[in-house]
């Protein structure tokens, strides 16, 4: 709004080189705003850390991230109007040189980064819940019952922290948040399954039950929003596909883990037919380790899988 009013005042005095230079100052001001907002993001990356690494965020930190995302989105959306307004009043020879595309991209990237920062806060909380899960006695599991306590803890954490975030974000970035959350958290669950020492058949069956429960919990994430901001099932199709794909892989892994050794390869091929060769061999090796097979037995089965021939 300030830029538009300033432009109106300045264009009454000049529409030539001076106005074009003033347009450059507007662009610089927007770039400075983008840098300022970015500096306010909580959870700065330390040297050597990755963007996928979880960070500890408070509710207040989540709110700050959402406000930055919303502000960046507003700036991104208004920049084309500013460009058009400047081109409409500046002399023709300068009009084509008015370009705010770079700063618009900066705001788009900032909005994404702000939402991804919130997601990193969720992965931090999830890692704290999943760490004890890896130390459970899965190799001595005696019966399959209700879903495990860690599943209830995941549900409680998501139900507690997601609604305020989802209600603050615009529809577009709410869906982006849901998608990024599923892409970050579900593979983390798979990673923690492979961090378990050993898993017997009943333990694998319990993990399969837990995995189905976790899938249901994640599918409900877009609905954890205030009633007036609910989104339709049609708009969450991409999110549903992500959860189906990522959790489908997890379920395939634990079901293969539960299979008898003599049909393990056939089970794996049936449940994960689209896995690429390198990824499939690595996953197979991890499953065989969890199953407690020695290195010789593992290698024989992996070689058999790679050759496309089932061990008799």
C-alpha atoms as a PDB file:
ATOM      1  CA  UNK A   1       0.000   0.000   0.000  1.00  0.00           C
ATOM      2  CA  UNK A   2       2.825   2.419   0.893  1.00  0.00           C
ATOM      3  CA  UNK A   3       4.641   1.670  -2.372  1.00  0.00           C
ATOM      4  CA  UNK A   4       1.502   2.318  -4.435  1.00  0.00           C
ATOM      5  CA  UNK A   5       0.862   5.676  -2.751  1.00  0.00           C
ATOM      6  CA  UNK A   6       4.523   6.629  -3.079  1.00  0.00           C
ATOM      7  CA  UNK A   7       4.439   5.715  -6.761  1.00  0.00           C
ATOM      8  CA  UNK A   8       1.394   7.922  -7.323  1.00  0.00           C
ATOM      9  CA  UNK A   9       3.121  10.901  -5.707  1.00  0.00           C
ATOM     10  CA  UNK A  10       6.421  10.405  -7.528  1.00  0.00           C
ATOM     11  CA  UNK A  11       4.815   9.867 -10.947  1.00  0.00           C
ATOM     12  CA  UNK A  12       3.233  13.332 -10.691  1.00  0.00           C
ATOM     13  CA  UNK A  13       6.749  14.805 -10.639  1.00  0.00           C
ATOM     14  CA  UNK A  14       8.582  12.551 -13.125  1.00  0.00           C
ATOM     15  CA  UNK A  15       8.102   9.444 -15.219  1.00  0.00           C
ATOM     16  CA  UNK A  16      11.649   9.148 -16.524  1.00  0.00           C
ATOM     17  CA  UNK A  17      14.999   7.933 -15.184  1.00  0.00           C
ATOM     18  CA  UNK A  18      14.373   9.219 -11.668  1.00  0.00           C
ATOM     19  CA  UNK A  19      11.151   7.225 -11.338  1.00  0.00           C
ATOM     20  CA  UNK A  20      12.917   4.172 -12.733  1.00  0.00           C
ATOM     21  CA  UNK A  21      15.622   4.559 -10.059  1.00  0.00           C
ATOM     22  CA  UNK A  22      12.947   4.951  -7.403  1.00  0.00           C
ATOM     23  CA  UNK A  23      11.429   1.660  -8.618  1.00  0.00           C
ATOM     24  CA  UNK A  24      14.831   0.093  -7.917  1.00  0.00           C
ATOM     25  CA  UNK A  25      14.592   1.414  -4.351  1.00  0.00           C
ATOM     26  CA  UNK A  26      11.172  -0.209  -3.991  1.00  0.00           C
ATOM     27  CA  UNK A  27      12.705  -3.499  -5.123  1.00  0.00           C
ATOM     28  CA  UNK A  28      15.574  -3.136  -2.662  1.00  0.00           C
ATOM     29  CA  UNK A  29      13.135  -2.347   0.131  1.00  0.00           C
ATOM     30  CA  UNK A  30      11.227  -5.548  -0.591  1.00  0.00           C
ATOM     31  CA  UNK A  31      14.474  -7.536  -0.629  1.00  0.00           C
ATOM     32  CA  UNK A  32      15.403  -6.020   2.736  1.00  0.00           C
ATOM     33  CA  UNK A  33      11.990  -7.000   4.100  1.00  0.00           C
ATOM     34  CA  UNK A  34      12.502 -10.555   2.885  1.00  0.00           C
ATOM     35  CA  UNK A  35      15.918 -10.700   4.593  1.00  0.00           C
ATOM     36  CA  UNK A  36      14.485  -9.262   7.812  1.00  0.00           C
ATOM     37  CA  UNK A  37      11.660 -11.811   7.900  1.00  0.00           C
ATOM     38  CA  UNK A  38      14.100 -14.632   7.204  1.00  0.00           C
ATOM     39  CA  UNK A  39      16.282 -13.494  10.114  1.00  0.00           C
ATOM     40  CA  UNK A  40      13.272 -13.834  12.434  1.00  0.00           C
ATOM     41  CA  UNK A  41      12.795 -17.549  11.681  1.00  0.00           C
ATOM     42  CA  UNK A  42      13.486 -19.639  14.800  1.00  0.00           C
ATOM     43  CA  UNK A  43      15.726 -22.698  14.845  1.00  0.00           C
ATOM     44  CA  UNK A  44      18.679 -21.534  12.775  1.00  0.00           C
ATOM     45  CA  UNK A  45      20.696 -24.310  11.102  1.00  0.00           C
ATOM     46  CA  UNK A  46      23.992 -24.939  12.863  1.00  0.00           C
ATOM     47  CA  UNK A  47      27.157 -25.600  10.882  1.00  0.00           C
ATOM     48  CA  UNK A  48      27.070 -29.079   9.388  1.00  0.00           C
ATOM     49  CA  UNK A  49      23.362 -29.687  10.052  1.00  0.00           C
ATOM     50  CA  UNK A  50      20.848 -30.458   7.312  1.00  0.00           C
ATOM     51  CA  UNK A  51      17.440 -29.010   6.538  1.00  0.00           C
ATOM     52  CA  UNK A  52      15.851 -32.380   7.336  1.00  0.00           C
ATOM     53  CA  UNK A  53      17.212 -32.277  10.886  1.00  0.00           C
ATOM     54  CA  UNK A  54      14.591 -31.709  13.574  1.00  0.00           C
ATOM     55  CA  UNK A  55      14.648 -28.619  15.785  1.00  0.00           C
ATOM     56  CA  UNK A  56      12.931 -27.857  19.063  1.00  0.00           C
ATOM     57  CA  UNK A  57      10.197 -25.257  18.581  1.00  0.00           C
ATOM     58  CA  UNK A  58       7.668 -23.829  21.018  1.00  0.00           C
ATOM     59  CA  UNK A  59       4.053 -22.991  20.193  1.00  0.00           C
ATOM     60  CA  UNK A  60       5.142 -19.357  19.961  1.00  0.00           C
ATOM     61  CA  UNK A  61       7.862 -20.334  17.463  1.00  0.00           C
ATOM     62  CA  UNK A  62       5.245 -22.109  15.341  1.00  0.00           C
ATOM     63  CA  UNK A  63       3.112 -18.960  15.355  1.00  0.00           C
ATOM     64  CA  UNK A  64       6.058 -16.813  14.270  1.00  0.00           C
ATOM     65  CA  UNK A  65       6.780 -19.184  11.382  1.00  0.00           C
ATOM     66  CA  UNK A  66       3.145 -19.125  10.258  1.00  0.00           C
ATOM     67  CA  UNK A  67       3.004 -15.317  10.379  1.00  0.00           C
ATOM     68  CA  UNK A  68       6.211 -15.100   8.332  1.00  0.00           C
ATOM     69  CA  UNK A  69       4.800 -17.577   5.798  1.00  0.00           C
ATOM     70  CA  UNK A  70       1.574 -15.578   5.491  1.00  0.00           C
ATOM     71  CA  UNK A  71       3.413 -12.250   5.147  1.00  0.00           C
ATOM     72  CA  UNK A  72       5.770 -13.697   2.528  1.00  0.00           C
ATOM     73  CA  UNK A  73       2.809 -15.097   0.612  1.00  0.00           C
ATOM     74  CA  UNK A  74       1.059 -11.702   0.656  1.00  0.00           C
ATOM     75  CA  UNK A  75       4.201  -9.973  -0.626  1.00  0.00           C
ATOM     76  CA  UNK A  76       4.687 -12.599  -3.337  1.00  0.00           C
ATOM     77  CA  UNK A  77       1.116 -12.114  -4.519  1.00  0.00           C
ATOM     78  CA  UNK A  78       1.196  -8.299  -4.534  1.00  0.00           C
ATOM     79  CA  UNK A  79       4.525  -7.897  -6.356  1.00  0.00           C
ATOM     80  CA  UNK A  80       3.044  -8.452  -9.863  1.00  0.00           C
ATOM     81  CA  UNK A  81       0.588  -5.629  -9.141  1.00  0.00           C
ATOM     82  CA  UNK A  82       3.451  -3.345  -8.122  1.00  0.00           C
ATOM     83  CA  UNK A  83       5.345  -4.230 -11.308  1.00  0.00           C
ATOM     84  CA  UNK A  84       2.281  -3.505 -13.423  1.00  0.00           C
ATOM     85  CA  UNK A  85       1.645  -0.186 -11.673  1.00  0.00           C
ATOM     86  CA  UNK A  86       5.240   0.977 -12.245  1.00  0.00           C
ATOM     87  CA  UNK A  87       5.238  -0.090 -15.900  1.00  0.00           C
ATOM     88  CA  UNK A  88       1.967   1.785 -16.345  1.00  0.00           C
ATOM     89  CA  UNK A  89       3.465   5.152 -15.373  1.00  0.00           C
ATOM     90  CA  UNK A  90       7.199   4.981 -16.146  1.00  0.00           C
ATOM     91  CA  UNK A  91       8.434   6.035 -19.588  1.00  0.00           C
ATOM     92  CA  UNK A  92       8.107   3.310 -22.218  1.00  0.00           C
ATOM     93  CA  UNK A  93      11.875   2.899 -22.671  1.00  0.00           C
ATOM     94  CA  UNK A  94      12.175   1.860 -19.008  1.00  0.00           C
ATOM     95  CA  UNK A  95       9.019  -0.218 -18.713  1.00  0.00           C
ATOM     96  CA  UNK A  96      10.535  -3.480 -19.981  1.00  0.00           C
ATOM     97  CA  UNK A  97      13.407  -3.180 -17.487  1.00  0.00           C
ATOM     98  CA  UNK A  98      11.106  -3.116 -14.481  1.00  0.00           C
ATOM     99  CA  UNK A  99      11.581  -6.609 -13.087  1.00  0.00           C
ATOM    100  CA  UNK A 100      10.710  -7.759  -9.577  1.00  0.00           C
ATOM    101  CA  UNK A 101      10.849 -11.463 -10.454  1.00  0.00           C
ATOM    102  CA  UNK A 102      13.880 -12.211  -8.282  1.00  0.00           C
ATOM    103  CA  UNK A 103      12.424 -10.682  -5.143  1.00  0.00           C
ATOM    104  CA  UNK A 104       9.095 -12.393  -5.809  1.00  0.00           C
ATOM    105  CA  UNK A 105      10.969 -15.719  -5.900  1.00  0.00           C
ATOM    106  CA  UNK A 106      12.669 -14.792  -2.624  1.00  0.00           C
ATOM    107  CA  UNK A 107       9.299 -14.343  -0.911  1.00  0.00           C
ATOM    108  CA  UNK A 108       7.992 -17.618  -2.367  1.00  0.00           C
ATOM    109  CA  UNK A 109      11.076 -19.438  -1.078  1.00  0.00           C
ATOM    110  CA  UNK A 110      10.745 -17.737   2.307  1.00  0.00           C
ATOM    111  CA  UNK A 111       7.129 -18.869   2.686  1.00  0.00           C
ATOM    112  CA  UNK A 112       8.189 -22.438   1.908  1.00  0.00           C
ATOM    113  CA  UNK A 113      11.117 -22.238   4.330  1.00  0.00           C
ATOM    114  CA  UNK A 114       8.888 -20.930   7.119  1.00  0.00           C
ATOM    115  CA  UNK A 115       6.483 -23.848   6.724  1.00  0.00           C
ATOM    116  CA  UNK A 116       9.353 -26.332   6.429  1.00  0.00           C
ATOM    117  CA  UNK A 117      10.751 -24.937   9.683  1.00  0.00           C
ATOM    118  CA  UNK A 118       7.481 -25.796  11.423  1.00  0.00           C
ATOM    119  CA  UNK A 119       7.726 -29.309   9.976  1.00  0.00           C
ATOM    120  CA  UNK A 120      11.234 -29.648  11.409  1.00  0.00           C
ATOM    121  CA  UNK A 121       9.735 -28.895  14.812  1.00  0.00           C
ATOM    122  CA  UNK A 122       7.333 -31.800  14.362  1.00  0.00           C
ATOM    123  CA  UNK A 123      10.094 -34.185  13.311  1.00  0.00           C
ATOM    124  CA  UNK A 124      11.972 -33.246  16.491  1.00  0.00           C
ATOM    125  CA  UNK A 125       8.956 -34.138  18.633  1.00  0.00           C
ATOM    126  CA  UNK A 126       8.395 -37.328  16.665  1.00  0.00           C
ATOM    127  CA  UNK A 127      12.006 -38.425  17.119  1.00  0.00           C
ATOM    128  CA  UNK A 128      11.601 -38.104  20.898  1.00  0.00           C
ATOM    129  CA  UNK A 129       8.582 -40.428  20.759  1.00  0.00           C
ATOM    130  CA  UNK A 130      10.142 -42.962  18.395  1.00  0.00           C
ATOM    131  CA  UNK A 131      13.514 -43.268  20.151  1.00  0.00           C
ATOM    132  CA  UNK A 132      12.120 -45.392  23.035  1.00  0.00           C
ATOM    133  CA  UNK A 133      10.166 -47.479  20.479  1.00  0.00           C
ATOM    134  CA  UNK A 134      13.444 -48.808  19.065  1.00  0.00           C
ATOM    135  CA  UNK A 135      14.376 -50.169  22.506  1.00  0.00           C
ATOM    136  CA  UNK A 136      11.157 -52.138  22.997  1.00  0.00           C
ATOM    137  CA  UNK A 137      11.615 -55.961  23.213  1.00  0.00           C
ATOM    138  CA  UNK A 138      10.345 -56.692  19.701  1.00  0.00           C
ATOM    139  CA  UNK A 139      12.448 -59.859  19.566  1.00  0.00           C
ATOM    140  CA  UNK A 140      10.620 -61.259  22.613  1.00  0.00           C
ATOM    141  CA  UNK A 141       7.094 -60.141  21.662  1.00  0.00           C
ATOM    142  CA  UNK A 142       4.547 -62.669  22.911  1.00  0.00           C
ATOM    143  CA  UNK A 143       1.170 -61.490  21.634  1.00  0.00           C
ATOM    144  CA  UNK A 144      -0.483 -58.968  19.335  1.00  0.00           C
ATOM    145  CA  UNK A 145      -2.884 -56.661  21.122  1.00  0.00           C
ATOM    146  CA  UNK A 146      -4.028 -53.064  20.883  1.00  0.00           C
ATOM    147  CA  UNK A 147      -1.901 -50.432  19.173  1.00  0.00           C
ATOM    148  CA  UNK A 148       1.300 -49.643  21.041  1.00  0.00           C
ATOM    149  CA  UNK A 149       1.692 -46.727  23.446  1.00  0.00           C
ATOM    150  CA  UNK A 150       4.019 -44.856  21.081  1.00  0.00           C
ATOM    151  CA  UNK A 151       1.196 -44.756  18.500  1.00  0.00           C
ATOM    152  CA  UNK A 152      -1.077 -43.079  21.051  1.00  0.00           C
ATOM    153  CA  UNK A 153       1.707 -40.616  21.859  1.00  0.00           C
ATOM    154  CA  UNK A 154       2.117 -39.737  18.176  1.00  0.00           C
ATOM    155  CA  UNK A 155      -1.627 -39.180  17.853  1.00  0.00           C
ATOM    156  CA  UNK A 156      -1.671 -37.007  20.984  1.00  0.00           C
ATOM    157  CA  UNK A 157       1.286 -34.904  19.815  1.00  0.00           C
ATOM    158  CA  UNK A 158      -0.149 -34.278  16.356  1.00  0.00           C
ATOM    159  CA  UNK A 159      -3.636 -33.538  17.722  1.00  0.00           C
ATOM    160  CA  UNK A 160      -2.167 -31.027  20.149  1.00  0.00           C
ATOM    161  CA  UNK A 161       0.203 -29.109  17.901  1.00  0.00           C
ATOM    162  CA  UNK A 162      -1.281 -29.282  14.386  1.00  0.00           C
ATOM    163  CA  UNK A 163      -4.632 -27.398  14.821  1.00  0.00           C
ATOM    164  CA  UNK A 164      -3.081 -24.012  15.759  1.00  0.00           C
ATOM    165  CA  UNK A 165      -0.664 -24.238  12.815  1.00  0.00           C
ATOM    166  CA  UNK A 166      -3.315 -25.366  10.335  1.00  0.00           C
ATOM    167  CA  UNK A 167      -5.706 -22.606  11.403  1.00  0.00           C
ATOM    168  CA  UNK A 168      -3.086 -19.858  10.989  1.00  0.00           C
ATOM    169  CA  UNK A 169      -1.899 -20.873   7.518  1.00  0.00           C
ATOM    170  CA  UNK A 170      -3.733 -20.020   4.306  1.00  0.00           C
ATOM    171  CA  UNK A 171      -5.385 -22.878   2.402  1.00  0.00           C
ATOM    172  CA  UNK A 172      -2.490 -23.261  -0.048  1.00  0.00           C
ATOM    173  CA  UNK A 173       0.189 -23.366   2.623  1.00  0.00           C
ATOM    174  CA  UNK A 174      -1.909 -25.528   4.918  1.00  0.00           C
ATOM    175  CA  UNK A 175      -1.894 -28.211   2.215  1.00  0.00           C
ATOM    176  CA  UNK A 176       1.840 -27.642   1.639  1.00  0.00           C
ATOM    177  CA  UNK A 177       2.384 -28.096   5.385  1.00  0.00           C
ATOM    178  CA  UNK A 178       0.394 -31.361   5.416  1.00  0.00           C
ATOM    179  CA  UNK A 179       2.314 -32.711   2.414  1.00  0.00           C
ATOM    180  CA  UNK A 180       5.724 -31.804   3.843  1.00  0.00           C
ATOM    181  CA  UNK A 181       4.802 -33.231   7.232  1.00  0.00           C
ATOM    182  CA  UNK A 182       3.883 -36.606   5.714  1.00  0.00           C
ATOM    183  CA  UNK A 183       7.029 -36.650   3.549  1.00  0.00           C
ATOM    184  CA  UNK A 184       9.237 -35.952   6.577  1.00  0.00           C
ATOM    185  CA  UNK A 185       7.573 -37.951   9.351  1.00  0.00           C
ATOM    186  CA  UNK A 186       6.613 -41.248   7.695  1.00  0.00           C
ATOM    187  CA  UNK A 187      10.127 -42.022   6.387  1.00  0.00           C
ATOM    188  CA  UNK A 188      11.364 -41.202   9.903  1.00  0.00           C
ATOM    189  CA  UNK A 189       9.046 -43.897  11.261  1.00  0.00           C
ATOM    190  CA  UNK A 190      10.512 -46.370   8.771  1.00  0.00           C
ATOM    191  CA  UNK A 191      14.050 -45.377   9.802  1.00  0.00           C
ATOM    192  CA  UNK A 192      13.239 -46.050  13.451  1.00  0.00           C
ATOM    193  CA  UNK A 193      11.784 -49.468  12.660  1.00  0.00           C
ATOM    194  CA  UNK A 194      15.145 -50.381  11.158  1.00  0.00           C
ATOM    195  CA  UNK A 195      16.887 -49.081  14.288  1.00  0.00           C
ATOM    196  CA  UNK A 196      15.271 -51.860  16.346  1.00  0.00           C
ATOM    197  CA  UNK A 197      17.730 -54.628  17.254  1.00  0.00           C
ATOM    198  CA  UNK A 198      15.673 -57.697  16.309  1.00  0.00           C
ATOM    199  CA  UNK A 199      11.981 -58.344  15.616  1.00  0.00           C
ATOM    200  CA  UNK A 200      10.259 -61.728  15.931  1.00  0.00           C
ATOM    201  CA  UNK A 201       7.124 -62.735  14.009  1.00  0.00           C
ATOM    202  CA  UNK A 202       4.688 -61.503  16.650  1.00  0.00           C
ATOM    203  CA  UNK A 203       6.662 -58.275  16.998  1.00  0.00           C
ATOM    204  CA  UNK A 204       6.384 -57.744  13.236  1.00  0.00           C
ATOM    205  CA  UNK A 205       2.647 -58.396  13.389  1.00  0.00           C
ATOM    206  CA  UNK A 206       2.346 -55.801  16.172  1.00  0.00           C
ATOM    207  CA  UNK A 207       4.293 -53.317  14.050  1.00  0.00           C
ATOM    208  CA  UNK A 208       1.927 -54.026  11.159  1.00  0.00           C
ATOM    209  CA  UNK A 209      -1.030 -53.230  13.407  1.00  0.00           C
ATOM    210  CA  UNK A 210       0.716 -50.068  14.630  1.00  0.00           C
ATOM    211  CA  UNK A 211       1.496 -49.032  11.056  1.00  0.00           C
ATOM    212  CA  UNK A 212      -2.146 -49.274   9.992  1.00  0.00           C
ATOM    213  CA  UNK A 213      -3.088 -47.103  13.000  1.00  0.00           C
ATOM    214  CA  UNK A 214      -0.411 -44.528  12.142  1.00  0.00           C
ATOM    215  CA  UNK A 215      -1.646 -44.391   8.559  1.00  0.00           C
ATOM    216  CA  UNK A 216      -5.157 -43.564   9.806  1.00  0.00           C
ATOM    217  CA  UNK A 217      -3.716 -40.876  12.083  1.00  0.00           C
ATOM    218  CA  UNK A 218      -1.839 -39.244   9.213  1.00  0.00           C
ATOM    219  CA  UNK A 219      -4.789 -39.389   6.823  1.00  0.00           C
ATOM    220  CA  UNK A 220      -6.752 -37.351   9.384  1.00  0.00           C
ATOM    221  CA  UNK A 221      -4.156 -34.540   9.556  1.00  0.00           C
ATOM    222  CA  UNK A 222      -5.844 -32.182   7.012  1.00  0.00           C
ATOM    223  CA  UNK A 223      -9.011 -32.316   9.117  1.00  0.00           C
ATOM    224  CA  UNK A 224      -7.210 -31.042  12.235  1.00  0.00           C
ATOM    225  CA  UNK A 225      -8.324 -27.510  11.481  1.00  0.00           C
ATOM    226  CA  UNK A 226     -11.011 -25.119  12.731  1.00  0.00           C
ATOM    227  CA  UNK A 227     -14.458 -25.856  11.328  1.00  0.00           C
ATOM    228  CA  UNK A 228     -14.647 -22.722   9.187  1.00  0.00           C
ATOM    229  CA  UNK A 229     -11.333 -23.620   7.524  1.00  0.00           C
ATOM    230  CA  UNK A 230     -12.016 -27.273   6.715  1.00  0.00           C
ATOM    231  CA  UNK A 231     -10.751 -28.413   3.313  1.00  0.00           C
ATOM    232  CA  UNK A 232     -12.563 -30.751   0.943  1.00  0.00           C
ATOM    233  CA  UNK A 233     -11.427 -34.312   0.256  1.00  0.00           C
ATOM    234  CA  UNK A 234     -10.882 -33.311  -3.388  1.00  0.00           C
ATOM    235  CA  UNK A 235      -8.227 -30.760  -2.390  1.00  0.00           C
ATOM    236  CA  UNK A 236      -6.359 -33.278  -0.222  1.00  0.00           C
ATOM    237  CA  UNK A 237      -5.966 -35.958  -2.906  1.00  0.00           C
ATOM    238  CA  UNK A 238      -2.255 -35.243  -3.350  1.00  0.00           C
ATOM    239  CA  UNK A 239      -1.749 -35.551   0.400  1.00  0.00           C
ATOM    240  CA  UNK A 240      -3.647 -38.843   0.477  1.00  0.00           C
ATOM    241  CA  UNK A 241      -1.448 -40.197  -2.329  1.00  0.00           C
ATOM    242  CA  UNK A 242       1.681 -39.256  -0.358  1.00  0.00           C
ATOM    243  CA  UNK A 243       0.456 -41.026   2.784  1.00  0.00           C
ATOM    244  CA  UNK A 244      -0.669 -44.080   0.785  1.00  0.00           C
ATOM    245  CA  UNK A 245       2.731 -44.300  -0.908  1.00  0.00           C
ATOM    246  CA  UNK A 246       4.903 -43.737   2.161  1.00  0.00           C
ATOM    247  CA  UNK A 247       2.836 -45.843   4.571  1.00  0.00           C
ATOM    248  CA  UNK A 248       2.344 -48.515   1.910  1.00  0.00           C
ATOM    249  CA  UNK A 249       6.101 -48.968   1.924  1.00  0.00           C
ATOM    250  CA  UNK A 250       6.223 -49.213   5.735  1.00  0.00           C
ATOM    251  CA  UNK A 251       3.390 -51.757   5.833  1.00  0.00           C
ATOM    252  CA  UNK A 252       5.111 -53.804   3.110  1.00  0.00           C
ATOM    253  CA  UNK A 253       8.309 -53.858   5.164  1.00  0.00           C
ATOM    254  CA  UNK A 254       6.699 -55.064   8.403  1.00  0.00           C
ATOM    255  CA  UNK A 255       4.533 -57.622   6.592  1.00  0.00           C
ATOM    256  CA  UNK A 256       7.626 -59.008   4.870  1.00  0.00           C
ATOM    257  CA  UNK A 257       9.322 -59.078   8.258  1.00  0.00           C
ATOM    258  CA  UNK A 258       6.442 -61.184   9.591  1.00  0.00           C
ATOM    259  CA  UNK A 259       6.637 -63.684   6.718  1.00  0.00           C
ATOM    260  CA  UNK A 260       8.347 -67.096   7.143  1.00  0.00           C
ATOM    261  CA  UNK A 261      11.863 -67.162   5.731  1.00  0.00           C
ATOM    262  CA  UNK A 262      10.972 -69.633   2.963  1.00  0.00           C
ATOM    263  CA  UNK A 263       8.415 -67.242   1.415  1.00  0.00           C
ATOM    264  CA  UNK A 264      10.070 -63.981   2.425  1.00  0.00           C
ATOM    265  CA  UNK A 265      11.370 -63.099  -1.050  1.00  0.00           C
ATOM    266  CA  UNK A 266       8.034 -63.853  -2.721  1.00  0.00           C
ATOM    267  CA  UNK A 267       6.244 -61.761  -0.087  1.00  0.00           C
ATOM    268  CA  UNK A 268       8.643 -58.864  -0.587  1.00  0.00           C
ATOM    269  CA  UNK A 269       8.253 -58.944  -4.370  1.00  0.00           C
ATOM    270  CA  UNK A 270       4.476 -59.019  -4.071  1.00  0.00           C
ATOM    271  CA  UNK A 271       4.271 -56.155  -1.588  1.00  0.00           C
ATOM    272  CA  UNK A 272       6.985 -53.953  -3.125  1.00  0.00           C
ATOM    273  CA  UNK A 273       6.868 -54.640  -6.875  1.00  0.00           C
ATOM    274  CA  UNK A 274       7.829 -51.064  -7.840  1.00  0.00           C
ATOM    275  CA  UNK A 275      10.967 -50.784  -5.705  1.00  0.00           C
ATOM    276  CA  UNK A 276      14.089 -50.026  -7.743  1.00  0.00           C
ATOM    277  CA  UNK A 277      16.823 -52.660  -7.612  1.00  0.00           C
ATOM    278  CA  UNK A 278      19.356 -50.785  -5.468  1.00  0.00           C
ATOM    279  CA  UNK A 279      16.771 -49.612  -2.949  1.00  0.00           C
ATOM    280  CA  UNK A 280      15.094 -53.028  -2.833  1.00  0.00           C
ATOM    281  CA  UNK A 281      18.361 -54.872  -2.110  1.00  0.00           C
ATOM    282  CA  UNK A 282      19.232 -52.457   0.681  1.00  0.00           C
ATOM    283  CA  UNK A 283      15.747 -52.731   2.186  1.00  0.00           C
ATOM    284  CA  UNK A 284      15.836 -56.519   1.920  1.00  0.00           C
ATOM    285  CA  UNK A 285      19.178 -56.616   3.753  1.00  0.00           C
ATOM    286  CA  UNK A 286      17.770 -54.476   6.584  1.00  0.00           C
ATOM    287  CA  UNK A 287      14.714 -56.731   6.901  1.00  0.00           C
ATOM    288  CA  UNK A 288      16.868 -59.855   7.061  1.00  0.00           C
ATOM    289  CA  UNK A 289      19.004 -58.265   9.778  1.00  0.00           C
ATOM    290  CA  UNK A 290      15.914 -57.449  11.860  1.00  0.00           C
ATOM    291  CA  UNK A 291      14.738 -60.999  11.369  1.00  0.00           C
ATOM    292  CA  UNK A 292      17.913 -62.231  13.050  1.00  0.00           C
ATOM    293  CA  UNK A 293      19.461 -64.142  10.155  1.00  0.00           C
ATOM    294  CA  UNK A 294      23.219 -64.533  10.162  1.00  0.00           C
ATOM    295  CA  UNK A 295      25.334 -62.853   7.467  1.00  0.00           C
ATOM    296  CA  UNK A 296      25.632 -66.011   5.364  1.00  0.00           C
ATOM    297  CA  UNK A 297      21.852 -66.531   5.345  1.00  0.00           C
ATOM    298  CA  UNK A 298      21.302 -62.845   4.600  1.00  0.00           C
ATOM    299  CA  UNK A 299      23.685 -62.880   1.654  1.00  0.00           C
ATOM    300  CA  UNK A 300      22.127 -66.031   0.183  1.00  0.00           C
ATOM    301  CA  UNK A 301      18.655 -64.497   0.236  1.00  0.00           C
ATOM    302  CA  UNK A 302      19.836 -61.135  -1.111  1.00  0.00           C
ATOM    303  CA  UNK A 303      21.717 -62.876  -3.939  1.00  0.00           C
ATOM    304  CA  UNK A 304      18.634 -64.940  -4.664  1.00  0.00           C
ATOM    305  CA  UNK A 305      16.474 -61.830  -4.755  1.00  0.00           C
ATOM    306  CA  UNK A 306      18.914 -60.016  -7.028  1.00  0.00           C
ATOM    307  CA  UNK A 307      19.014 -62.996  -9.365  1.00  0.00           C
ATOM    308  CA  UNK A 308      15.232 -63.116  -9.435  1.00  0.00           C
ATOM    309  CA  UNK A 309      15.252 -66.717  -8.153  1.00  0.00           C
ATOM    310  CA  UNK A 310      13.658 -67.744  -4.888  1.00  0.00           C
ATOM    311  CA  UNK A 311      15.731 -69.851  -2.477  1.00  0.00           C
ATOM    312  CA  UNK A 312      14.251 -73.329  -2.161  1.00  0.00           C
END
